[in-house]
Amino acid sequence: MPDFILEEKAKTKGYKYVCGVDEAGRGPLAGPVCAAAVILPQNCIIDGLNDSKKLSEKKREQLYDIIISTAVSYCISYASVEEIEQYNILGTTFLAMNRAIDGLTVKPDFALIDGNRVPKDIKIDCETVVKGDSKSYSIAAASILAKVSRDRLMLKYDEMYPEYGFKKHKGYGTKDHYTAIKQNGICEIHRVSFLKNVH
């Protein structure tokens, strides 16, 4: 379960506002990548907070509302399919993460980043944390905001492009999604570079 140890460690070094940063949507065949940055109050406890991948959709939705009402500051940002095609998925993930950090109304001086790569062009000190969403409370909160926000967006895309089943798979490469692409071709939100051998 995540805790506040990494946040407290950063604060003992003199940092005041520590944000957790995570993304959702690196792997799908369609839709943008979403990132979130969250600063939580010191030692706040949110019952059930955990890595978004370990939670049910219903639980994530419940925690989303609690996180945004509890956070000192939070920001959710996207990077578009067009940007994914232009910069590749890693570069675009960094773009979304930087947008989320830059969008915080309370400016952080340190970031805990999920993963093992420091985002290019990040403007503050940071530390990468492998599987950070299961270790850091702030990163876990960011993972939930990013996942829920992206899933909600994919539901809107499902209304625009019902033939692809985005409501069910959220753009990931399921068997049904590949079948729909072969039957209907690609739509505007598909990542062409992810589908070179499909259509």
Protein backbone atom coordinates (compact mmCIF):
# COMPACT_ATOMS: atom_id res chain seq x y z
CA MET A 1 0.00 0.00 0.00
CA PRO A 2 1.23 3.53 -0.71
CA ASP A 3 2.30 5.83 2.11
CA PHE A 4 3.83 9.26 2.72
CA ILE A 5 7.44 8.11 3.30
CA LEU A 6 8.79 9.51 0.01
CA GLU A 7 6.96 12.79 0.49
CA GLU A 8 8.31 13.15 4.02
CA LYS A 9 11.82 12.31 2.84
CA ALA A 10 11.65 15.15 0.31
CA LYS A 11 10.38 17.57 2.96
CA THR A 12 13.29 16.74 5.29
CA LYS A 13 15.53 18.01 2.49
CA GLY A 14 13.78 21.37 2.60
CA TYR A 15 11.13 21.00 -0.09
CA LYS A 16 7.76 22.49 0.85
CA TYR A 17 5.28 21.34 -1.79
CA VAL A 18 5.74 17.81 -3.13
CA CYS A 19 3.52 16.67 -5.99
CA GLY A 20 2.91 13.17 -7.25
CA VAL A 21 2.71 12.67 -11.01
CA ASP A 22 1.35 9.77 -13.07
CA GLU A 23 -0.15 9.12 -16.47
CA ALA A 24 -2.79 6.96 -18.08
CA GLY A 25 -3.04 5.89 -21.68
CA ARG A 26 0.46 5.14 -22.93
CA GLY A 27 -0.52 1.77 -24.35
CA PRO A 28 -3.87 2.21 -26.13
CA LEU A 29 -4.36 2.28 -29.88
CA ALA A 30 -6.64 5.32 -29.67
CA GLY A 31 -7.15 8.50 -27.71
CA PRO A 32 -4.83 10.92 -25.96
CA VAL A 33 -2.46 10.29 -23.09
CA CYS A 34 -3.54 11.86 -19.81
CA ALA A 35 -1.36 12.95 -16.88
CA ALA A 36 -2.20 14.26 -13.43
CA ALA A 37 -0.21 16.04 -10.74
CA VAL A 38 -1.44 16.16 -7.15
CA ILE A 39 -0.28 17.85 -3.95
CA LEU A 40 -1.97 16.32 -0.91
CA PRO A 41 -2.16 17.79 2.60
CA GLN A 42 0.53 16.45 4.90
CA ASN A 43 -0.41 13.07 6.39
CA CYS A 44 -3.94 13.13 4.98
CA ILE A 45 -5.54 9.71 4.93
CA ILE A 46 -7.95 8.77 2.15
CA ASP A 47 -9.48 5.39 2.85
CA GLY A 48 -8.83 2.90 0.06
CA LEU A 49 -6.33 5.04 -1.86
CA ASN A 50 -4.13 2.75 -3.95
CA ASP A 51 -2.68 2.19 -7.40
CA SER A 52 -5.56 2.84 -9.82
CA LYS A 53 -4.92 -0.48 -11.59
CA LYS A 54 -5.73 -2.34 -8.36
CA LEU A 55 -9.10 -0.65 -7.91
CA SER A 56 -12.51 -1.22 -9.46
CA GLU A 57 -13.95 1.42 -11.76
CA LYS A 58 -16.58 2.25 -9.13
CA LYS A 59 -13.93 2.70 -6.41
CA ARG A 60 -11.79 4.88 -8.67
CA GLU A 61 -14.78 7.12 -9.34
CA GLN A 62 -15.47 7.47 -5.61
CA LEU A 63 -11.84 8.25 -4.82
CA TYR A 64 -11.63 10.76 -7.68
CA ASP A 65 -14.18 13.02 -5.99
CA ILE A 66 -12.48 12.68 -2.60
CA ILE A 67 -9.02 13.44 -4.03
CA ILE A 68 -10.05 16.60 -5.88
CA SER A 69 -11.89 17.90 -2.81
CA THR A 70 -8.99 17.05 -0.47
CA ALA A 71 -5.94 18.04 -2.52
CA VAL A 72 -4.01 21.21 -1.81
CA SER A 73 -3.78 21.47 -5.61
CA TYR A 74 -4.31 19.18 -8.59
CA CYS A 75 -4.14 19.43 -12.36
CA ILE A 76 -5.16 17.02 -15.11
CA SER A 77 -3.64 17.47 -18.56
CA TYR A 78 -3.73 15.76 -21.93
CA ALA A 79 -1.48 15.34 -24.91
CA SER A 80 -3.28 14.70 -28.18
CA VAL A 81 -3.15 11.92 -30.71
CA GLU A 82 -1.55 14.41 -33.11
CA GLU A 83 1.21 15.07 -30.57
CA ILE A 84 1.72 11.33 -30.06
CA GLU A 85 2.25 10.95 -33.79
CA GLN A 86 4.62 13.91 -33.87
CA TYR A 87 6.73 13.30 -30.76
CA ASN A 88 6.27 9.54 -30.05
CA ILE A 89 4.52 8.20 -26.97
CA LEU A 90 7.38 8.73 -24.51
CA GLY A 91 7.90 12.35 -25.53
CA THR A 92 4.16 12.97 -25.42
CA THR A 93 3.88 11.41 -21.96
CA PHE A 94 6.54 13.84 -20.74
CA LEU A 95 4.63 16.68 -22.40
CA ALA A 96 1.43 15.76 -20.56
CA MET A 97 3.27 15.37 -17.24
CA ASN A 98 4.93 18.77 -17.57
CA ARG A 99 1.59 20.36 -18.41
CA ALA A 100 0.06 18.83 -15.29
CA ILE A 101 2.91 20.07 -13.06
CA ASP A 102 2.86 23.52 -14.65
CA GLY A 103 -0.91 23.72 -14.22
CA LEU A 104 -0.90 23.34 -10.44
CA THR A 105 -2.18 26.51 -8.78
CA VAL A 106 0.04 25.85 -5.76
CA LYS A 107 3.50 25.63 -7.30
CA PRO A 108 5.44 22.52 -6.24
CA ASP A 109 9.18 22.57 -5.66
CA PHE A 110 9.59 18.79 -5.94
CA ALA A 111 7.90 16.05 -7.95
CA LEU A 112 7.63 12.31 -7.42
CA ILE A 113 7.28 10.81 -10.90
CA ASP A 114 5.90 7.33 -11.55
CA GLY A 115 8.32 5.25 -13.63
CA ASN A 116 12.05 5.30 -14.28
CA ARG A 117 12.45 8.22 -16.68
CA VAL A 118 12.78 11.87 -15.75
CA PRO A 119 10.49 13.93 -18.00
CA LYS A 120 12.43 16.00 -20.48
CA ASP A 121 12.20 19.77 -19.81
CA ILE A 122 10.83 19.36 -16.27
CA LYS A 123 11.29 22.66 -14.43
CA ILE A 124 11.55 21.45 -10.81
CA ASP A 125 13.61 18.93 -8.87
CA CYS A 126 12.20 15.43 -9.04
CA GLU A 127 12.66 11.76 -8.26
CA THR A 128 11.44 8.84 -10.35
CA VAL A 129 9.75 5.97 -8.52
CA VAL A 130 9.29 2.59 -10.21
CA LYS A 131 5.77 1.33 -9.42
CA GLY A 132 5.32 4.63 -7.64
CA ASP A 133 1.53 4.34 -7.65
CA SER A 134 1.82 1.48 -5.15
CA LYS A 135 4.46 3.28 -3.03
CA SER A 136 3.65 7.00 -2.88
CA TYR A 137 0.34 8.39 -1.68
CA SER A 138 0.66 11.39 -4.00
CA ILE A 139 1.46 9.29 -7.06
CA ALA A 140 -1.43 6.92 -6.26
CA ALA A 141 -3.78 9.91 -6.13
CA ALA A 142 -2.42 11.16 -9.47
CA SER A 143 -2.87 7.72 -11.02
CA ILE A 144 -6.56 7.73 -10.10
CA LEU A 145 -7.19 11.24 -11.44
CA ALA A 146 -5.44 10.42 -14.71
CA LYS A 147 -7.18 7.06 -15.19
CA VAL A 148 -10.69 8.30 -14.37
CA SER A 149 -10.29 11.44 -16.50
CA ARG A 150 -9.09 9.51 -19.51
CA ASP A 151 -11.79 6.85 -19.15
CA ARG A 152 -14.46 9.57 -19.01
CA LEU A 153 -13.08 11.12 -22.19
CA MET A 154 -13.12 7.75 -23.95
CA LEU A 155 -16.82 7.39 -23.04
CA LYS A 156 -17.45 10.66 -24.91
CA TYR A 157 -15.51 9.31 -27.88
CA ASP A 158 -17.67 6.17 -27.73
CA GLU A 159 -20.71 8.36 -28.41
CA MET A 160 -18.94 9.90 -31.41
CA TYR A 161 -17.60 6.59 -32.77
CA PRO A 162 -19.91 3.86 -31.40
CA GLU A 163 -18.75 1.27 -33.92
CA TYR A 164 -15.37 0.86 -32.14
CA GLY A 165 -16.58 -0.02 -28.64
CA PHE A 166 -14.46 2.56 -26.82
CA LYS A 167 -16.85 2.38 -23.86
CA LYS A 168 -15.76 -1.18 -23.25
CA HIS A 169 -12.01 -1.18 -23.94
CA LYS A 170 -11.11 2.55 -23.62
CA GLY A 171 -8.97 2.35 -26.74
CA TYR A 172 -6.76 -0.56 -25.69
CA GLY A 173 -5.82 -3.27 -28.15
CA THR A 174 -8.42 -5.89 -27.33
CA LYS A 175 -9.58 -8.51 -29.81
CA ASP A 176 -12.88 -6.67 -30.28
CA HIS A 177 -11.07 -3.40 -30.95
CA TYR A 178 -8.83 -4.94 -33.61
CA THR A 179 -11.88 -6.54 -35.22
CA ALA A 180 -13.68 -3.18 -35.29
CA ILE A 181 -10.68 -1.51 -36.92
CA LYS A 182 -10.52 -4.18 -39.61
CA GLN A 183 -14.24 -3.77 -40.27
CA ASN A 184 -14.44 0.04 -40.14
CA GLY A 185 -10.93 1.30 -40.77
CA ILE A 186 -9.43 3.88 -38.44
CA CYS A 187 -11.06 7.03 -37.07
CA GLU A 188 -9.68 10.43 -36.12
CA ILE A 189 -8.61 9.42 -32.62
CA HIS A 190 -6.62 6.32 -33.62
CA ARG A 191 -2.85 6.42 -33.28
CA VAL A 192 -1.75 5.55 -36.79
CA SER A 193 1.82 4.75 -35.71
CA PHE A 194 0.45 2.08 -33.34
CA LEU A 195 -1.53 0.43 -36.16
CA LYS A 196 0.93 0.03 -39.00
CA ASN A 197 0.25 -3.67 -39.42
CA VAL A 198 -3.50 -3.60 -38.85
CA HIS A 199 -5.39 -1.47 -41.37
